[in-house]
C-alpha cells in the first residue's frame, strides 16, 4: 500500500507544484481507496459528465495514450489537486 496513517502530533506541510506534464496513466487509481478523495472525485466526475468527460476513465486508465488528449491532462491534474490541496 502506498499510504500510511500519520500518527504524529504535528502534521507535515506539503507543497504541490504541478503543471502540465505532472500526470501519468492511472495516477489516481490508488488514491481512490481513500474515502475523502473518492468522494471529491465523485463530485467532480458528476460535474464533468455534463461535458461528456468520464473522469474515472481518465484518472484510472493505464493506457498512456489517454493523456495524448490535452483536455484529459488538464482535467486529471485539476481533479486530483482539488482534493489534495
Protein backbone atom coordinates (compact mmCIF):
# COMPACT_ATOMS: atom_id res chain seq x y z
CA UNK A 1 0.00 0.00 0.00
CA UNK A 2 1.27 3.48 -0.87
CA UNK A 3 -0.34 5.24 2.09
CA UNK A 4 0.27 5.17 5.81
CA UNK A 5 -1.63 6.84 8.62
CA UNK A 6 0.30 9.72 10.14
CA UNK A 7 0.00 9.45 13.91
CA UNK A 8 2.37 12.27 14.89
CA UNK A 9 1.17 15.33 16.78
CA UNK A 10 2.27 17.97 14.29
CA UNK A 11 1.12 17.46 10.72
CA UNK A 12 3.68 17.81 7.94
CA UNK A 13 3.46 20.66 5.45
CA UNK A 14 3.16 19.68 1.80
CA UNK A 15 3.66 21.90 -1.21
CA UNK A 16 2.15 20.89 -4.54
CA UNK A 17 3.77 22.33 -7.65
CA UNK A 18 2.10 20.59 -10.52
CA UNK A 19 1.62 21.62 -14.09
CA UNK A 20 1.16 20.09 -17.48
CA UNK A 21 3.35 17.01 -17.65
CA UNK A 22 2.98 16.10 -13.98
CA UNK A 23 0.31 13.46 -14.64
CA UNK A 24 0.79 9.79 -15.51
CA UNK A 25 -1.55 6.98 -16.59
CA UNK A 26 -3.81 5.75 -13.78
CA UNK A 27 -2.32 8.34 -11.42
CA UNK A 28 -5.34 8.43 -9.12
CA UNK A 29 -6.21 4.74 -9.08
CA UNK A 30 -4.50 4.02 -5.74
CA UNK A 31 -5.83 7.21 -4.14
CA UNK A 32 -9.42 6.08 -4.68
CA UNK A 33 -9.14 3.80 -1.63
CA UNK A 34 -9.21 6.98 0.47
CA UNK A 35 -12.83 7.83 1.21
CA UNK A 36 -12.47 11.62 1.17
CA UNK A 37 -10.51 11.52 -2.08
CA UNK A 38 -13.07 9.25 -3.76
CA UNK A 39 -15.96 11.47 -2.63
CA UNK A 40 -14.26 14.51 -4.13
CA UNK A 41 -13.67 12.67 -7.39
CA UNK A 42 -17.34 11.58 -7.38
CA UNK A 43 -18.40 15.23 -7.22
CA UNK A 44 -16.02 16.28 -9.98
CA UNK A 45 -16.99 13.28 -12.12
CA UNK A 46 -20.66 14.17 -11.85
CA UNK A 47 -19.99 17.74 -12.97
CA UNK A 48 -17.80 16.62 -15.89
CA UNK A 49 -20.47 14.22 -17.19
CA UNK A 50 -22.29 17.30 -18.50
CA UNK A 51 -19.33 17.83 -20.82
CA UNK A 52 -19.09 14.20 -21.94
CA UNK A 53 -15.95 13.60 -19.88
CA UNK A 54 -15.59 10.38 -17.88
CA UNK A 55 -13.26 11.40 -15.06
CA UNK A 56 -12.94 7.88 -13.64
CA UNK A 57 -11.90 6.59 -17.04
CA UNK A 58 -9.33 9.35 -17.41
CA UNK A 59 -7.70 9.01 -13.98
CA UNK A 60 -7.69 5.20 -13.76
CA UNK A 61 -6.89 4.15 -17.31
CA UNK A 62 -3.39 2.62 -17.52
CA UNK A 63 -3.13 3.29 -21.27
CA UNK A 64 -0.55 6.08 -21.79
CA UNK A 65 -2.40 7.33 -24.88
CA UNK A 66 -5.25 8.53 -22.64
CA UNK A 67 -3.02 11.50 -21.86
CA UNK A 68 -2.43 12.38 -25.51
CA UNK A 69 -5.56 14.50 -25.20
CA UNK A 70 -4.65 17.85 -23.61
CA UNK A 71 -8.11 18.09 -22.03
CA UNK A 72 -7.56 14.77 -20.27
CA UNK A 73 -4.23 16.08 -18.97
CA UNK A 74 -5.78 19.21 -17.54
CA UNK A 75 -8.86 17.52 -16.07
CA UNK A 76 -6.83 14.80 -14.37
CA UNK A 77 -4.44 17.27 -12.74
CA UNK A 78 -7.16 19.61 -11.51
CA UNK A 79 -9.44 16.85 -10.18
CA UNK A 80 -6.62 15.35 -8.14
CA UNK A 81 -5.41 18.73 -6.84
CA UNK A 82 -8.90 19.81 -5.80
CA UNK A 83 -8.85 17.04 -3.21
CA UNK A 84 -5.27 17.10 -2.03
CA UNK A 85 -4.86 20.83 -1.65
